Amino acid sequence: MNWKSLFSPGANISPEKVKKFMADHNPDEYQLLDVRQPKEYGKEHIPGATLIPVRELMDRKVELDPSKPTFVY
């Protein structure tokens, strides 16, 4: 199974649209998923983002809520 199979097909959206979505919704209504490495996350990340490096996604998929929109970066 490929990590891409964890997400429903969706469109790529611009950072501006994500910012608008976040401004119009409560943080508990969506997920921010940072798939970079811990060192990168430690230097800077979006507040509220969950760190799951891309190589760990398959093992840690239970940490994600499939019912919520997920923004991955």
C-alpha atoms as a PDB file:
ATOM      1  CA  MET A   1       0.000   0.000   0.000  1.00  0.00           C
ATOM      2  CA  ASN A   2       1.254   3.445  -0.950  1.00  0.00           C
ATOM      3  CA  TRP A   3       1.059   6.473   1.395  1.00  0.00           C
ATOM      4  CA  LYS A   4      -0.894   8.352  -1.298  1.00  0.00           C
ATOM      5  CA  SER A   5      -3.753   5.890  -0.775  1.00  0.00           C
ATOM      6  CA  LEU A   6      -4.331   7.391   2.689  1.00  0.00           C
ATOM      7  CA  PHE A   7      -5.930  10.484   1.191  1.00  0.00           C
ATOM      8  CA  SER A   8      -9.067  10.874  -0.893  1.00  0.00           C
ATOM      9  CA  PRO A   9      -8.418  12.326  -4.290  1.00  0.00           C
ATOM     10  CA  GLY A  10      -8.438  16.050  -3.939  1.00  0.00           C
ATOM     11  CA  ALA A  11      -7.373  19.127  -5.735  1.00  0.00           C
ATOM     12  CA  ASN A  12      -4.220  21.014  -5.052  1.00  0.00           C
ATOM     13  CA  ILE A  13      -5.237  24.352  -3.662  1.00  0.00           C
ATOM     14  CA  SER A  14      -3.298  27.541  -3.273  1.00  0.00           C
ATOM     15  CA  PRO A  15      -1.845  28.670   0.049  1.00  0.00           C
ATOM     16  CA  GLU A  16      -4.246  31.628  -0.081  1.00  0.00           C
ATOM     17  CA  LYS A  17      -7.263  29.299  -0.247  1.00  0.00           C
ATOM     18  CA  VAL A  18      -5.920  27.224   2.647  1.00  0.00           C
ATOM     19  CA  LYS A  19      -5.416  30.384   4.721  1.00  0.00           C
ATOM     20  CA  LYS A  20      -8.999  31.470   3.942  1.00  0.00           C
ATOM     21  CA  PHE A  21     -10.331  28.029   4.857  1.00  0.00           C
ATOM     22  CA  MET A  22      -8.413  28.117   8.138  1.00  0.00           C
ATOM     23  CA  ALA A  23      -9.690  31.625   8.912  1.00  0.00           C
ATOM     24  CA  ASP A  24     -13.292  30.561   8.239  1.00  0.00           C
ATOM     25  CA  HIS A  25     -13.185  27.315  10.269  1.00  0.00           C
ATOM     26  CA  ASN A  26     -12.312  26.220  13.784  1.00  0.00           C
ATOM     27  CA  PRO A  27      -8.963  24.385  14.093  1.00  0.00           C
ATOM     28  CA  ASP A  28     -10.777  21.229  15.221  1.00  0.00           C
ATOM     29  CA  GLU A  29     -12.576  21.064  11.848  1.00  0.00           C
ATOM     30  CA  TYR A  30      -9.459  20.283   9.771  1.00  0.00           C
ATOM     31  CA  GLN A  31      -5.972  18.788  10.015  1.00  0.00           C
ATOM     32  CA  LEU A  32      -2.627  20.279   9.114  1.00  0.00           C
ATOM     33  CA  LEU A  33      -0.123  17.564   8.319  1.00  0.00           C
ATOM     34  CA  ASP A  34       3.572  18.351   8.063  1.00  0.00           C
ATOM     35  CA  VAL A  35       5.333  15.510   6.240  1.00  0.00           C
ATOM     36  CA  ARG A  36       8.828  16.971   6.407  1.00  0.00           C
ATOM     37  CA  GLN A  37      11.647  15.763   8.638  1.00  0.00           C
ATOM     38  CA  PRO A  38      11.768  16.587  12.383  1.00  0.00           C
ATOM     39  CA  LYS A  39      14.706  18.944  11.920  1.00  0.00           C
ATOM     40  CA  GLU A  40      12.742  20.995   9.372  1.00  0.00           C
ATOM     41  CA  TYR A  41       9.649  20.966  11.585  1.00  0.00           C
ATOM     42  CA  GLY A  42      11.737  22.120  14.539  1.00  0.00           C
ATOM     43  CA  LYS A  43      13.062  25.108  12.629  1.00  0.00           C
ATOM     44  CA  GLU A  44       9.622  26.297  11.541  1.00  0.00           C
ATOM     45  CA  HIS A  45       6.121  24.928  11.112  1.00  0.00           C
ATOM     46  CA  ILE A  46       2.541  26.093  10.936  1.00  0.00           C
ATOM     47  CA  PRO A  47       1.057  26.293  14.447  1.00  0.00           C
ATOM     48  CA  GLY A  48      -1.262  23.367  15.081  1.00  0.00           C
ATOM     49  CA  ALA A  49       0.387  21.130  12.479  1.00  0.00           C
ATOM     50  CA  THR A  50       0.995  17.479  13.214  1.00  0.00           C
ATOM     51  CA  LEU A  51       4.395  16.131  12.266  1.00  0.00           C
ATOM     52  CA  ILE A  52       4.353  12.755  10.556  1.00  0.00           C
ATOM     53  CA  PRO A  53       7.329  12.405   8.209  1.00  0.00           C
ATOM     54  CA  VAL A  54       6.272  10.971   4.858  1.00  0.00           C
ATOM     55  CA  ARG A  55       8.192   7.729   5.456  1.00  0.00           C
ATOM     56  CA  GLU A  56       6.191   7.143   8.654  1.00  0.00           C
ATOM     57  CA  LEU A  57       2.727   7.831   7.229  1.00  0.00           C
ATOM     58  CA  MET A  58       1.710   4.219   6.672  1.00  0.00           C
ATOM     59  CA  ASP A  59       2.656   3.217  10.221  1.00  0.00           C
ATOM     60  CA  ARG A  60       1.051   6.264  11.826  1.00  0.00           C
ATOM     61  CA  LYS A  61      -2.117   6.617   9.740  1.00  0.00           C
ATOM     62  CA  VAL A  62      -4.262   5.916  12.814  1.00  0.00           C
ATOM     63  CA  GLU A  63      -3.282   9.378  14.077  1.00  0.00           C
ATOM     64  CA  LEU A  64      -5.246  10.992  11.248  1.00  0.00           C
ATOM     65  CA  ASP A  65      -8.990  11.585  11.192  1.00  0.00           C
ATOM     66  CA  PRO A  66     -10.297  10.560   7.757  1.00  0.00           C
ATOM     67  CA  SER A  67     -13.499  12.558   8.287  1.00  0.00           C
ATOM     68  CA  LYS A  68     -11.674  15.907   8.369  1.00  0.00           C
ATOM     69  CA  PRO A  69     -10.165  17.872   5.490  1.00  0.00           C
ATOM     70  CA  THR A  70      -6.406  17.422   5.624  1.00  0.00           C
ATOM     71  CA  PHE A  71      -3.925  19.971   4.349  1.00  0.00           C
ATOM     72  CA  VAL A  72      -0.541  18.384   3.721  1.00  0.00           C
ATOM     73  CA  TYR A  73       2.745  20.229   3.365  1.00  0.00           C
END
